[in-house]
Structures are given as C-alpha cells and as structure tokens.
Amino acid sequence: MDASAESGSVSSAAPAGDCRIIPLRLCFVCRNVATPDIHNCTIELHAPDARSVICLRAGDERTAARWYTALAAVAELATRSVIADANRLLSDDVLSSGTAREVRHIGWLAEKVLA
C-alpha cells in the first residue's frame, strides 16, 4: 500500500466509472447492519465519510467469519495509526495544567434499526 492510499487520498491513476475506493483508515467494518442477511454471510465495509459501503458476500458463514476477522484486524491497525498521528499532532498542544492532550480511542457507533 502506498502513502497516498494509506492517507485516504485518491491518486490520478484511480479507475474511472462506477469504481469506489474506500480507505481503511477510519473505515467501519460490520455485519448485518445496513444489509440484513439471514444466512450471516455478508460483511459490510463502510467508508469513513459514510457515503459509500461495500457489501461482501461469502459462500458460507464460516468463510464470512474469517473475512470479517481479517478485515476488522486490518481496520484496527489502520485506526491505531490514526490515533498515533493525532497524538503526534497534539503533542505540541500542552494544557495550562502542564499535561498534553491525548487521543485514546477513535471508533464508530452503529445502531441497527429493526423495521
């Protein structure tokens, strides 16, 4: 992964048409939130700007669980790098009490609305 893909910017070599690029930094990985699936084979990857979502459908529940675990682990690593970047930016900002500001957690909350 190159630096532009990691930072979330899209390079000029991006495919045209109906192609979407969802950066893993600050993305949201879930199951059965936007797309109901009684077979539990769907994984959703939501873009950080909440405008795009990719729904991946596995052949069976076990494969979907493995895909979800792998995607969630990569998203967690990307989120940790976002926290580290935020803390580097905040390290120069010292409060009047003499302590530096610190980000400890960044994440998403999702609510599944039952119809």
PDB file of N, CA and C in Angstrom:
ATOM      1  N   MET A   1       0.850  -1.167   0.000  1.00  0.00           N
ATOM      2  CA  MET A   1       0.000   0.000   0.000  1.00  0.00           C
ATOM      3  C   MET A   1       0.895   1.230   0.000  1.00  0.00           C
ATOM      4  N   ASP A   2       0.643   2.142  -0.897  1.00  0.00           N
ATOM      5  CA  ASP A   2       1.464   3.342  -0.952  1.00  0.00           C
ATOM      6  C   ASP A   2       0.932   4.404   0.007  1.00  0.00           C
ATOM      7  N   ALA A   3       1.688   5.470   0.177  1.00  0.00           N
ATOM      8  CA  ALA A   3       1.340   6.511   1.140  1.00  0.00           C
ATOM      9  C   ALA A   3       0.043   7.203   0.788  1.00  0.00           C
ATOM     10  N   SER A   4      -0.232   7.399  -0.499  1.00  0.00           N
ATOM     11  CA  SER A   4      -1.470   8.086  -0.870  1.00  0.00           C
ATOM     12  C   SER A   4      -2.684   7.224  -0.562  1.00  0.00           C
ATOM     13  N   ALA A   5      -2.573   5.920  -0.757  1.00  0.00           N
ATOM     14  CA  ALA A   5      -3.689   5.040  -0.434  1.00  0.00           C
ATOM     15  C   ALA A   5      -3.896   4.964   1.073  1.00  0.00           C
ATOM     16  N   GLU A   6      -2.779   4.970   1.811  1.00  0.00           N
ATOM     17  CA  GLU A   6      -2.873   4.897   3.255  1.00  0.00           C
ATOM     18  C   GLU A   6      -3.475   6.164   3.841  1.00  0.00           C
ATOM     19  N   SER A   7      -3.179   7.312   3.250  1.00  0.00           N
ATOM     20  CA  SER A   7      -3.691   8.574   3.779  1.00  0.00           C
ATOM     21  C   SER A   7      -5.126   8.817   3.371  1.00  0.00           C
ATOM     22  N   GLY A   8      -5.623   8.021   2.433  1.00  0.00           N
ATOM     23  CA  GLY A   8      -7.004   8.167   2.028  1.00  0.00           C
ATOM     24  C   GLY A   8      -7.185   9.010   0.791  1.00  0.00           C
ATOM     25  N   SER A   9      -6.101   9.568   0.252  1.00  0.00           N
ATOM     26  CA  SER A   9      -6.234  10.356  -0.965  1.00  0.00           C
ATOM     27  C   SER A   9      -6.249   9.430  -2.173  1.00  0.00           C
ATOM     28  N   VAL A  10      -6.920   9.848  -3.207  1.00  0.00           N
ATOM     29  CA  VAL A  10      -7.041   9.041  -4.410  1.00  0.00           C
ATOM     30  C   VAL A  10      -6.071   9.587  -5.449  1.00  0.00           C
ATOM     31  N   SER A  11      -5.246   8.705  -5.989  1.00  0.00           N
ATOM     32  CA  SER A  11      -4.273   9.142  -6.980  1.00  0.00           C
ATOM     33  C   SER A  11      -4.949   9.326  -8.333  1.00  0.00           C
ATOM     34  N   SER A  12      -4.248   9.951  -9.272  1.00  0.00           N
ATOM     35  CA  SER A  12      -4.811  10.181 -10.596  1.00  0.00           C
ATOM     36  C   SER A  12      -4.943   8.891 -11.387  1.00  0.00           C
ATOM     37  N   ALA A  13      -4.313   7.804 -10.937  1.00  0.00           N
ATOM     38  CA  ALA A  13      -4.391   6.530 -11.628  1.00  0.00           C
ATOM     39  C   ALA A  13      -5.607   5.717 -11.194  1.00  0.00           C
ATOM     40  N   ALA A  14      -6.529   6.331 -10.453  1.00  0.00           N
ATOM     41  CA  ALA A  14      -7.722   5.624  -9.978  1.00  0.00           C
ATOM     42  C   ALA A  14      -8.597   5.241 -11.156  1.00  0.00           C
ATOM     43  N   PRO A  15      -9.199   4.052 -11.112  1.00  0.00           N
ATOM     44  CA  PRO A  15     -10.071   3.616 -12.202  1.00  0.00           C
ATOM     45  C   PRO A  15     -11.281   4.536 -12.343  1.00  0.00           C
ATOM     46  N   ALA A  16     -11.757   4.683 -13.565  1.00  0.00           N
ATOM     47  CA  ALA A  16     -12.920   5.521 -13.814  1.00  0.00           C
ATOM     48  C   ALA A  16     -14.179   4.671 -13.759  1.00  0.00           C
ATOM     49  N   GLY A  17     -15.320   5.307 -13.832  1.00  0.00           N
ATOM     50  CA  GLY A  17     -16.582   4.588 -13.865  1.00  0.00           C
ATOM     51  C   GLY A  17     -17.193   4.445 -12.500  1.00  0.00           C
ATOM     52  N   ASP A  18     -17.817   3.300 -12.267  1.00  0.00           N
ATOM     53  CA  ASP A  18     -18.541   3.069 -11.018  1.00  0.00           C
ATOM     54  C   ASP A  18     -17.649   2.429  -9.958  1.00  0.00           C
ATOM     55  N   CYS A  19     -16.389   2.711  -9.983  1.00  0.00           N
ATOM     56  CA  CYS A  19     -15.430   2.161  -9.034  1.00  0.00           C
ATOM     57  C   CYS A  19     -15.322   3.085  -7.820  1.00  0.00           C
ATOM     58  N   ARG A  20     -15.309   2.511  -6.640  1.00  0.00           N
ATOM     59  CA  ARG A  20     -15.160   3.282  -5.403  1.00  0.00           C
ATOM     60  C   ARG A  20     -13.899   2.816  -4.683  1.00  0.00           C
ATOM     61  N   ILE A  21     -13.224   3.742  -4.057  1.00  0.00           N
ATOM     62  CA  ILE A  21     -12.069   3.415  -3.238  1.00  0.00           C
ATOM     63  C   ILE A  21     -12.413   3.800  -1.805  1.00  0.00           C
ATOM     64  N   ILE A  22     -12.362   2.835  -0.919  1.00  0.00           N
ATOM     65  CA  ILE A  22     -12.647   3.091   0.487  1.00  0.00           C
ATOM     66  C   ILE A  22     -11.352   2.906   1.264  1.00  0.00           C
ATOM     67  N   PRO A  23     -10.819   3.995   1.824  1.00  0.00           N
ATOM     68  CA  PRO A  23      -9.587   3.861   2.616  1.00  0.00           C
ATOM     69  C   PRO A  23      -9.876   3.101   3.908  1.00  0.00           C
ATOM     70  N   LEU A  24      -8.935   2.298   4.342  1.00  0.00           N
ATOM     71  CA  LEU A  24      -9.130   1.531   5.563  1.00  0.00           C
ATOM     72  C   LEU A  24      -8.955   2.378   6.826  1.00  0.00           C
ATOM     73  N   ARG A  25      -8.301   3.523   6.680  1.00  0.00           N
ATOM     74  CA  ARG A  25      -8.156   4.395   7.846  1.00  0.00           C
ATOM     75  C   ARG A  25      -9.516   4.985   8.188  1.00  0.00           C
ATOM     76  N   LEU A  26      -9.988   4.711   9.365  1.00  0.00           N
ATOM     77  CA  LEU A  26     -11.268   5.173   9.902  1.00  0.00           C
ATOM     78  C   LEU A  26     -12.482   4.563   9.213  1.00  0.00           C
ATOM     79  N   CYS A  27     -12.303   3.430   8.540  1.00  0.00           N
ATOM     80  CA  CYS A  27     -13.466   2.758   7.957  1.00  0.00           C
ATOM     81  C   CYS A  27     -14.205   2.005   9.071  1.00  0.00           C
ATOM     82  N   PHE A  28     -15.359   1.491   8.747  1.00  0.00           N
ATOM     83  CA  PHE A  28     -16.203   0.788   9.700  1.00  0.00           C
ATOM     84  C   PHE A  28     -16.549  -0.572   9.108  1.00  0.00           C
ATOM     85  N   VAL A  29     -16.125  -1.639   9.773  1.00  0.00           N
ATOM     86  CA  VAL A  29     -16.389  -2.997   9.315  1.00  0.00           C
ATOM     87  C   VAL A  29     -17.466  -3.595  10.227  1.00  0.00           C
ATOM     88  N   CYS A  30     -18.518  -4.136   9.609  1.00  0.00           N
ATOM     89  CA  CYS A  30     -19.599  -4.700  10.421  1.00  0.00           C
ATOM     90  C   CYS A  30     -20.280  -5.827   9.652  1.00  0.00           C
ATOM     91  N   ARG A  31     -21.230  -6.429  10.325  1.00  0.00           N
ATOM     92  CA  ARG A  31     -22.038  -7.484   9.708  1.00  0.00           C
ATOM     93  C   ARG A  31     -23.499  -7.212  10.002  1.00  0.00           C
ATOM     94  N   ASN A  32     -24.324  -7.339   8.976  1.00  0.00           N
ATOM     95  CA  ASN A  32     -25.778  -7.271   9.121  1.00  0.00           C
ATOM     96  C   ASN A  32     -26.291  -5.966   9.737  1.00  0.00           C
ATOM     97  N   VAL A  33     -25.710  -4.852   9.386  1.00  0.00           N
ATOM     98  CA  VAL A  33     -26.226  -3.567   9.857  1.00  0.00           C
ATOM     99  C   VAL A  33     -27.033  -2.903   8.755  1.00  0.00           C
ATOM    100  N   ALA A  34     -26.421  -2.615   7.621  1.00  0.00           N
ATOM    101  CA  ALA A  34     -27.124  -1.959   6.516  1.00  0.00           C
ATOM    102  C   ALA A  34     -27.826  -2.968   5.616  1.00  0.00           C
ATOM    103  N   THR A  35     -27.297  -4.180   5.571  1.00  0.00           N
ATOM    104  CA  THR A  35     -27.838  -5.212   4.697  1.00  0.00           C
ATOM    105  C   THR A  35     -28.248  -6.428   5.526  1.00  0.00           C
ATOM    106  N   PRO A  36     -29.544  -6.620   5.752  1.00  0.00           N
ATOM    107  CA  PRO A  36     -29.969  -7.799   6.514  1.00  0.00           C
ATOM    108  C   PRO A  36     -29.607  -9.085   5.770  1.00  0.00           C
ATOM    109  N   ASP A  37     -29.118 -10.059   6.511  1.00  0.00           N
ATOM    110  CA  ASP A  37     -28.698 -11.326   5.902  1.00  0.00           C
ATOM    111  C   ASP A  37     -29.025 -12.463   6.861  1.00  0.00           C
ATOM    112  N   ILE A  38     -30.047 -13.233   6.559  1.00  0.00           N
ATOM    113  CA  ILE A  38     -30.449 -14.318   7.459  1.00  0.00           C
ATOM    114  C   ILE A  38     -29.427 -15.452   7.477  1.00  0.00           C
ATOM    115  N   HIS A  39     -28.580 -15.527   6.444  1.00  0.00           N
ATOM    116  CA  HIS A  39     -27.567 -16.574   6.382  1.00  0.00           C
ATOM    117  C   HIS A  39     -26.249 -16.152   7.034  1.00  0.00           C
ATOM    118  N   ASN A  40     -26.153 -14.885   7.429  1.00  0.00           N
ATOM    119  CA  ASN A  40     -24.973 -14.348   8.118  1.00  0.00           C
ATOM    120  C   ASN A  40     -23.700 -14.521   7.283  1.00  0.00           C
ATOM    121  N   CYS A  41     -23.810 -14.256   5.986  1.00  0.00           N
ATOM    122  CA  CYS A  41     -22.677 -14.412   5.070  1.00  0.00           C
ATOM    123  C   CYS A  41     -22.187 -13.075   4.517  1.00  0.00           C
ATOM    124  N   THR A  42     -22.722 -11.958   4.975  1.00  0.00           N
ATOM    125  CA  THR A  42     -22.393 -10.654   4.422  1.00  0.00           C
ATOM    126  C   THR A  42     -21.526  -9.846   5.387  1.00  0.00           C
ATOM    127  N   ILE A  43     -20.509  -9.202   4.830  1.00  0.00           N
ATOM    128  CA  ILE A  43     -19.641  -8.279   5.569  1.00  0.00           C
ATOM    129  C   ILE A  43     -19.785  -6.921   4.915  1.00  0.00           C
ATOM    130  N   GLU A  44     -19.898  -5.874   5.728  1.00  0.00           N
ATOM    131  CA  GLU A  44     -20.045  -4.515   5.211  1.00  0.00           C
ATOM    132  C   GLU A  44     -18.804  -3.709   5.565  1.00  0.00           C
ATOM    133  N   LEU A  45     -18.293  -2.985   4.598  1.00  0.00           N
ATOM    134  CA  LEU A  45     -17.155  -2.092   4.797  1.00  0.00           C
ATOM    135  C   LEU A  45     -17.637  -0.691   4.453  1.00  0.00           C
ATOM    136  N   HIS A  46     -17.823   0.139   5.475  1.00  0.00           N
ATOM    137  CA  HIS A  46     -18.353   1.490   5.307  1.00  0.00           C
ATOM    138  C   HIS A  46     -17.209   2.488   5.213  1.00  0.00           C
ATOM    139  N   ALA A  47     -17.317   3.427   4.280  1.00  0.00           N
ATOM    140  CA  ALA A  47     -16.303   4.463   4.099  1.00  0.00           C
ATOM    141  C   ALA A  47     -16.317   5.420   5.290  1.00  0.00           C
ATOM    142  N   PRO A  48     -15.166   6.045   5.591  1.00  0.00           N
ATOM    143  CA  PRO A  48     -15.095   6.989   6.698  1.00  0.00           C
ATOM    144  C   PRO A  48     -16.061   8.169   6.553  1.00  0.00           C
ATOM    145  N   ASP A  49     -16.385   8.548   5.324  1.00  0.00           N
ATOM    146  CA  ASP A  49     -17.301   9.673   5.125  1.00  0.00           C
ATOM    147  C   ASP A  49     -18.763   9.236   5.121  1.00  0.00           C
ATOM    148  N   ALA A  50     -19.022   7.960   5.328  1.00  0.00           N
ATOM    149  CA  ALA A  50     -20.366   7.379   5.397  1.00  0.00           C
ATOM    150  C   ALA A  50     -21.162   7.527   4.101  1.00  0.00           C
ATOM    151  N   ARG A  51     -20.487   7.766   2.993  1.00  0.00           N
ATOM    152  CA  ARG A  51     -21.180   7.895   1.709  1.00  0.00           C
ATOM    153  C   ARG A  51     -21.203   6.600   0.918  1.00  0.00           C
ATOM    154  N   SER A  52     -20.223   5.754   1.134  1.00  0.00           N
ATOM    155  CA  SER A  52     -20.121   4.518   0.357  1.00  0.00           C
ATOM    156  C   SER A  52     -20.023   3.319   1.291  1.00  0.00           C
ATOM    157  N   VAL A  53     -20.528   2.202   0.814  1.00  0.00           N
ATOM    158  CA  VAL A  53     -20.417   0.943   1.545  1.00  0.00           C
ATOM    159  C   VAL A  53     -20.182  -0.170   0.529  1.00  0.00           C
ATOM    160  N   ILE A  54     -19.318  -1.092   0.902  1.00  0.00           N
ATOM    161  CA  ILE A  54     -19.085  -2.281   0.088  1.00  0.00           C
ATOM    162  C   ILE A  54     -19.651  -3.455   0.868  1.00  0.00           C
ATOM    163  N   CYS A  55     -20.496  -4.226   0.233  1.00  0.00           N
ATOM    164  CA  CYS A  55     -21.045  -5.435   0.850  1.00  0.00           C
ATOM    165  C   CYS A  55     -20.393  -6.637   0.187  1.00  0.00           C
ATOM    166  N   LEU A  56     -19.722  -7.429   0.988  1.00  0.00           N
ATOM    167  CA  LEU A  56     -19.072  -8.642   0.507  1.00  0.00           C
ATOM    168  C   LEU A  56     -19.896  -9.832   0.973  1.00  0.00           C
ATOM    169  N   ARG A  57     -20.174 -10.745   0.086  1.00  0.00           N
ATOM    170  CA  ARG A  57     -20.953 -11.924   0.459  1.00  0.00           C
ATOM    171  C   ARG A  57     -20.108 -13.174   0.255  1.00  0.00           C
ATOM    172  N   ALA A  58     -19.914 -13.897   1.331  1.00  0.00           N
ATOM    173  CA  ALA A  58     -19.150 -15.142   1.288  1.00  0.00           C
ATOM    174  C   ALA A  58     -20.086 -16.303   0.965  1.00  0.00           C
ATOM    175  N   GLY A  59     -19.505 -17.413   0.592  1.00  0.00           N
ATOM    176  CA  GLY A  59     -20.289 -18.590   0.248  1.00  0.00           C
ATOM    177  C   GLY A  59     -20.940 -19.253   1.447  1.00  0.00           C
ATOM    178  N   ASP A  60     -20.333 -19.096   2.625  1.00  0.00           N
ATOM    179  CA  ASP A  60     -20.905 -19.698   3.830  1.00  0.00           C
ATOM    180  C   ASP A  60     -20.538 -18.844   5.045  1.00  0.00           C
ATOM    181  N   GLU A  61     -21.165 -19.143   6.166  1.00  0.00           N
ATOM    182  CA  GLU A  61     -20.980 -18.344   7.381  1.00  0.00           C
ATOM    183  C   GLU A  61     -19.547 -18.429   7.922  1.00  0.00           C
ATOM    184  N   ARG A  62     -18.933 -19.586   7.827  1.00  0.00           N
ATOM    185  CA  ARG A  62     -17.565 -19.763   8.333  1.00  0.00           C
ATOM    186  C   ARG A  62     -16.578 -18.888   7.549  1.00  0.00           C
ATOM    187  N   THR A  63     -16.704 -18.874   6.224  1.00  0.00           N
ATOM    188  CA  THR A  63     -15.842 -18.032   5.391  1.00  0.00           C
ATOM    189  C   THR A  63     -16.087 -16.560   5.696  1.00  0.00           C
ATOM    190  N   ALA A  64     -17.341 -16.179   5.860  1.00  0.00           N
ATOM    191  CA  ALA A  64     -17.676 -14.787   6.200  1.00  0.00           C
ATOM    192  C   ALA A  64     -17.037 -14.390   7.527  1.00  0.00           C
ATOM    193  N   ALA A  65     -17.039 -15.292   8.493  1.00  0.00           N
ATOM    194  CA  ALA A  65     -16.426 -15.001   9.795  1.00  0.00           C
ATOM    195  C   ALA A  65     -14.923 -14.783   9.646  1.00  0.00           C
ATOM    196  N   ARG A  66     -14.282 -15.587   8.809  1.00  0.00           N
ATOM    197  CA  ARG A  66     -12.833 -15.409   8.591  1.00  0.00           C
ATOM    198  C   ARG A  66     -12.549 -14.094   7.883  1.00  0.00           C
ATOM    199  N   TRP A  67     -13.343 -13.764   6.869  1.00  0.00           N
ATOM    200  CA  TRP A  67     -13.172 -12.488   6.156  1.00  0.00           C
ATOM    201  C   TRP A  67     -13.369 -11.317   7.115  1.00  0.00           C
ATOM    202  N   TYR A  68     -14.418 -11.400   7.920  1.00  0.00           N
ATOM    203  CA  TYR A  68     -14.703 -10.319   8.870  1.00  0.00           C
ATOM    204  C   TYR A  68     -13.542 -10.132   9.842  1.00  0.00           C
ATOM    205  N   THR A  69     -13.048 -11.223  10.385  1.00  0.00           N
ATOM    206  CA  THR A  69     -11.934 -11.154  11.338  1.00  0.00           C
ATOM    207  C   THR A  69     -10.712 -10.512  10.701  1.00  0.00           C
ATOM    208  N   ALA A  70     -10.397 -10.903   9.475  1.00  0.00           N
ATOM    209  CA  ALA A  70      -9.232 -10.341   8.782  1.00  0.00           C
ATOM    210  C   ALA A  70      -9.422  -8.854   8.488  1.00  0.00           C
ATOM    211  N   LEU A  71     -10.583  -8.479   7.958  1.00  0.00           N
ATOM    212  CA  LEU A  71     -10.838  -7.066   7.653  1.00  0.00           C
ATOM    213  C   LEU A  71     -10.865  -6.210   8.917  1.00  0.00           C
ATOM    214  N   ALA A  72     -11.490  -6.713   9.973  1.00  0.00           N
ATOM    215  CA  ALA A  72     -11.558  -5.969  11.229  1.00  0.00           C
ATOM    216  C   ALA A  72     -10.162  -5.773  11.830  1.00  0.00           C
ATOM    217  N   ALA A  73      -9.295  -6.772  11.707  1.00  0.00           N
ATOM    218  CA  ALA A  73      -7.928  -6.654  12.234  1.00  0.00           C
ATOM    219  C   ALA A  73      -7.139  -5.584  11.477  1.00  0.00           C
ATOM    220  N   VAL A  74      -7.267  -5.572  10.157  1.00  0.00           N
ATOM    221  CA  VAL A  74      -6.569  -4.561   9.354  1.00  0.00           C
ATOM    222  C   VAL A  74      -7.127  -3.170   9.649  1.00  0.00           C
ATOM    223  N   ALA A  75      -8.441  -3.067   9.778  1.00  0.00           N
ATOM    224  CA  ALA A  75      -9.055  -1.768  10.104  1.00  0.00           C
ATOM    225  C   ALA A  75      -8.600  -1.287  11.475  1.00  0.00           C
ATOM    226  N   GLU A  76      -8.453  -2.195  12.427  1.00  0.00           N
ATOM    227  CA  GLU A  76      -7.977  -1.824  13.766  1.00  0.00           C
ATOM    228  C   GLU A  76      -6.542  -1.309  13.709  1.00  0.00           C
ATOM    229  N   LEU A  77      -5.682  -1.959  12.934  1.00  0.00           N
ATOM    230  CA  LEU A  77      -4.303  -1.477  12.777  1.00  0.00           C
ATOM    231  C   LEU A  77      -4.276  -0.090  12.144  1.00  0.00           C
ATOM    232  N   ALA A  78      -5.118   0.120  11.139  1.00  0.00           N
ATOM    233  CA  ALA A  78      -5.188   1.433  10.492  1.00  0.00           C
ATOM    234  C   ALA A  78      -5.689   2.491  11.471  1.00  0.00           C
ATOM    235  N   THR A  79      -6.643   2.127  12.309  1.00  0.00           N
ATOM    236  CA  THR A  79      -7.163   3.072  13.309  1.00  0.00           C
ATOM    237  C   THR A  79      -6.095   3.411  14.337  1.00  0.00           C
ATOM    238  N   ARG A  80      -5.303   2.438  14.720  1.00  0.00           N
ATOM    239  CA  ARG A  80      -4.206   2.717  15.663  1.00  0.00           C
ATOM    240  C   ARG A  80      -3.217   3.718  15.068  1.00  0.00           C
ATOM    241  N   SER A  81      -2.972   3.626  13.764  1.00  0.00           N
ATOM    242  CA  SER A  81      -2.057   4.594  13.146  1.00  0.00           C
ATOM    243  C   SER A  81      -2.685   5.984  13.118  1.00  0.00           C
ATOM    244  N   VAL A  82      -4.010   6.068  12.974  1.00  0.00           N
ATOM    245  CA  VAL A  82      -4.700   7.359  13.032  1.00  0.00           C
ATOM    246  C   VAL A  82      -4.554   7.965  14.426  1.00  0.00           C
ATOM    247  N   ILE A  83      -4.712   7.142  15.450  1.00  0.00           N
ATOM    248  CA  ILE A  83      -4.558   7.621  16.831  1.00  0.00           C
ATOM    249  C   ILE A  83      -3.138   8.115  17.058  1.00  0.00           C
ATOM    250  N   ALA A  84      -2.150   7.369  16.567  1.00  0.00           N
ATOM    251  CA  ALA A  84      -0.753   7.798  16.714  1.00  0.00           C
ATOM    252  C   ALA A  84      -0.516   9.126  15.996  1.00  0.00           C
ATOM    253  N   ASP A  85      -1.062   9.271  14.789  1.00  0.00           N
ATOM    254  CA  ASP A  85      -0.919  10.536  14.053  1.00  0.00           C
ATOM    255  C   ASP A  85      -1.576  11.689  14.810  1.00  0.00           C
ATOM    256  N   ALA A  86      -2.763  11.462  15.342  1.00  0.00           N
ATOM    257  CA  ALA A  86      -3.468  12.506  16.096  1.00  0.00           C
ATOM    258  C   ALA A  86      -2.670  12.900  17.332  1.00  0.00           C
ATOM    259  N   ASN A  87      -2.108  11.925  18.013  1.00  0.00           N
ATOM    260  CA  ASN A  87      -1.329  12.238  19.214  1.00  0.00           C
ATOM    261  C   ASN A  87      -0.030  12.965  18.884  1.00  0.00           C
ATOM    262  N   ARG A  88       0.555  12.662  17.721  1.00  0.00           N
ATOM    263  CA  ARG A  88       1.741  13.435  17.298  1.00  0.00           C
ATOM    264  C   ARG A  88       1.359  14.892  17.064  1.00  0.00           C
ATOM    265  N   LEU A  89       0.213  15.116  16.454  1.00  0.00           N
ATOM    266  CA  LEU A  89      -0.247  16.492  16.217  1.00  0.00           C
ATOM    267  C   LEU A  89      -0.582  17.208  17.521  1.00  0.00           C
ATOM    268  N   LEU A  90      -1.102  16.466  18.484  1.00  0.00           N
ATOM    269  CA  LEU A  90      -1.498  17.072  19.758  1.00  0.00           C
ATOM    270  C   LEU A  90      -0.344  17.204  20.747  1.00  0.00           C
ATOM    271  N   SER A  91       0.780  16.563  20.484  1.00  0.00           N
ATOM    272  CA  SER A  91       1.877  16.561  21.451  1.00  0.00           C
ATOM    273  C   SER A  91       2.437  17.965  21.702  1.00  0.00           C
ATOM    274  N   ASP A  92       2.301  18.850  20.725  1.00  0.00           N
ATOM    275  CA  ASP A  92       2.774  20.224  20.908  1.00  0.00           C
ATOM    276  C   ASP A  92       1.777  21.080  21.670  1.00  0.00           C
ATOM    277  N   ASP A  93       0.549  20.599  21.813  1.00  0.00           N
ATOM    278  CA  ASP A  93      -0.516  21.358  22.459  1.00  0.00           C
ATOM    279  C   ASP A  93      -0.599  20.971  23.934  1.00  0.00           C
ATOM    280  N   VAL A  94       0.041  21.741  24.784  1.00  0.00           N
ATOM    281  CA  VAL A  94       0.073  21.450  26.216  1.00  0.00           C
ATOM    282  C   VAL A  94      -0.959  22.334  26.913  1.00  0.00           C
ATOM    283  N   LEU A  95      -1.762  21.712  27.766  1.00  0.00           N
ATOM    284  CA  LEU A  95      -2.778  22.445  28.511  1.00  0.00           C
ATOM    285  C   LEU A  95      -2.131  23.291  29.603  1.00  0.00           C
ATOM    286  N   SER A  96      -2.885  24.211  30.167  1.00  0.00           N
ATOM    287  CA  SER A  96      -2.360  25.075  31.229  1.00  0.00           C
ATOM    288  C   SER A  96      -1.927  24.270  32.451  1.00  0.00           C
ATOM    289  N   SER A  97      -2.468  23.056  32.618  1.00  0.00           N
ATOM    290  CA  SER A  97      -2.072  22.207  33.743  1.00  0.00           C
ATOM    291  C   SER A  97      -0.727  21.533  33.511  1.00  0.00           C
ATOM    292  N   GLY A  98      -0.168  21.699  32.306  1.00  0.00           N
ATOM    293  CA  GLY A  98       1.123  21.105  32.001  1.00  0.00           C
ATOM    294  C   GLY A  98       1.027  19.730  31.369  1.00  0.00           C
ATOM    295  N   THR A  99      -0.163  19.241  31.146  1.00  0.00           N
ATOM    296  CA  THR A  99      -0.330  17.928  30.525  1.00  0.00           C
ATOM    297  C   THR A  99      -0.689  18.079  29.053  1.00  0.00           C
ATOM    298  N   ALA A 100      -0.210  17.150  28.280  1.00  0.00           N
ATOM    299  CA  ALA A 100      -0.508  17.160  26.842  1.00  0.00           C
ATOM    300  C   ALA A 100      -1.848  16.479  26.601  1.00  0.00           C
ATOM    301  N   ARG A 101      -2.525  16.907  25.554  1.00  0.00           N
ATOM    302  CA  ARG A 101      -3.769  16.252  25.166  1.00  0.00           C
ATOM    303  C   ARG A 101      -3.435  14.924  24.518  1.00  0.00           C
ATOM    304  N   GLU A 102      -4.359  13.968  24.650  1.00  0.00           N
ATOM    305  CA  GLU A 102      -4.103  12.633  24.101  1.00  0.00           C
ATOM    306  C   GLU A 102      -5.410  12.005  23.616  1.00  0.00           C
ATOM    307  N   VAL A 103      -5.365  11.407  22.445  1.00  0.00           N
ATOM    308  CA  VAL A 103      -6.494  10.624  21.931  1.00  0.00           C
ATOM    309  C   VAL A 103      -6.241   9.182  22.326  1.00  0.00           C
ATOM    310  N   ARG A 104      -7.215   8.581  22.977  1.00  0.00           N
ATOM    311  CA  ARG A 104      -7.051   7.195  23.407  1.00  0.00           C
ATOM    312  C   ARG A 104      -7.881   6.233  22.582  1.00  0.00           C
ATOM    313  N   HIS A 105      -8.986   6.722  22.017  1.00  0.00           N
ATOM    314  CA  HIS A 105      -9.861   5.833  21.254  1.00  0.00           C
ATOM    315  C   HIS A 105     -10.586   6.627  20.176  1.00  0.00           C
ATOM    316  N   ILE A 106     -10.677   6.027  19.006  1.00  0.00           N
ATOM    317  CA  ILE A 106     -11.472   6.565  17.902  1.00  0.00           C
ATOM    318  C   ILE A 106     -12.271   5.380  17.369  1.00  0.00           C
ATOM    319  N   GLY A 107     -13.540   5.569  17.140  1.00  0.00           N
ATOM    320  CA  GLY A 107     -14.329   4.460  16.620  1.00  0.00           C
ATOM    321  C   GLY A 107     -15.684   4.916  16.149  1.00  0.00           C
ATOM    322  N   TRP A 108     -16.488   3.949  15.789  1.00  0.00           N
ATOM    323  CA  TRP A 108     -17.819   4.193  15.263  1.00  0.00           C
ATOM    324  C   TRP A 108     -18.842   3.534  16.166  1.00  0.00           C
ATOM    325  N   LEU A 109     -19.998   4.162  16.261  1.00  0.00           N
ATOM    326  CA  LEU A 109     -21.150   3.555  16.905  1.00  0.00           C
ATOM    327  C   LEU A 109     -22.182   3.304  15.821  1.00  0.00           C
ATOM    328  N   ALA A 110     -22.787   2.150  15.861  1.00  0.00           N
ATOM    329  CA  ALA A 110     -23.807   1.834  14.856  1.00  0.00           C
ATOM    330  C   ALA A 110     -25.049   1.333  15.568  1.00  0.00           C
ATOM    331  N   GLU A 111     -26.188   1.699  15.028  1.00  0.00           N
ATOM    332  CA  GLU A 111     -27.440   1.241  15.581  1.00  0.00           C
ATOM    333  C   GLU A 111     -28.208   0.528  14.479  1.00  0.00           C
ATOM    334  N   LYS A 112     -28.628  -0.656  14.764  1.00  0.00           N
ATOM    335  CA  LYS A 112     -29.433  -1.408  13.803  1.00  0.00           C
ATOM    336  C   LYS A 112     -30.893  -1.151  14.137  1.00  0.00           C
ATOM    337  N   VAL A 113     -31.581  -0.533  13.206  1.00  0.00           N
ATOM    338  CA  VAL A 113     -32.982  -0.215  13.409  1.00  0.00           C
ATOM    339  C   VAL A 113     -33.816  -1.358  12.878  1.00  0.00           C
ATOM    340  N   LEU A 114     -34.608  -1.933  13.736  1.00  0.00           N
ATOM    341  CA  LEU A 114     -35.475  -3.042  13.337  1.00  0.00           C
ATOM    342  C   LEU A 114     -36.769  -2.473  12.773  1.00  0.00           C
ATOM    343  N   ALA A 115     -37.134  -2.936  11.608  1.00  0.00           N
ATOM    344  CA  ALA A 115     -38.357  -2.434  10.961  1.00  0.00           C
ATOM    345  C   ALA A 115     -39.547  -3.292  11.294  1.00  0.00           C
TER     346      ALA A 115
END
